[in-house]
Amino acid sequence: LAALVVMSFLWMPGAPPSRKRDESVFADLKLGLQHVWERPRLRLLVVTFAGVVLAGYAYQVILPGYLSNALGRDPERDLGVIFAVSAVGGIILSVSLVSKAGTQNARWYMFIFGGILGGGLMLAAIAPTYITALGAMVIVGAASSGFQLLNNAIIMQETDPRYFGRVMSLTMLAFGFNGIAAYPYGALADAVGERATLFAMGTASI
């Protein structure tokens, strides 16, 4: 699948600007930051994406404890299932949303799905059974994919084509910081419980 994605770049319009000299990664990073900072709408979109990713996308790190401690399930048996239903929700919604990514209403859909992501995490926090938790995870997977797809599409619309790579690289840094955020979320779950942590993540996402 990754190979197909890379091949799809061949059909992207435009081409990177010619370079007069070799530029370092940090020079490219600086140019990307400058471009984002100079465009308030783009800056808001990038910061919003980073905020929602840090607030809500790290729920996976506490799922093993959630299954074991909150639902009384075996994580070794059920973790794959809960990831799978979340992924299915994300795939179905992403395919259905492709046609809306370039519309005037895309921003509203983006905010709606960000809110639904938070609501889905809250539903997971109060889910009384494993089956209802699976339903909540379908919502979380669908909403997180919808938010990311629309946010990234709008970011590209607000970006000068010459800076596509730099801006998207900056945006994807949020997932790197998300990995760092896993530790405090895990510590919070140890301190107050997985349900309370999921509820807090949902609140922060909204």
Foldseek 3Di string as FASTA:
>chain_A
DVVVVVVCVVPDDDDADDDPDDDDPVRLLVVLVVQCVVQVVLVVLLVLLLQLCQLFVLLLLCVCVCCCPVAVHHCVPCVVVLVVLLQVLQVVLLVVCPVVLPDPCLVVQLVVLLLQLLVLLLQLLPPNHPVSNSVSSSSNSNSVNSNVSNSLSVSVVSGDVNSNVNNVVSSVCSVVVSVVSSVVLVVVCVVPNSSVSSNRSSVSSD
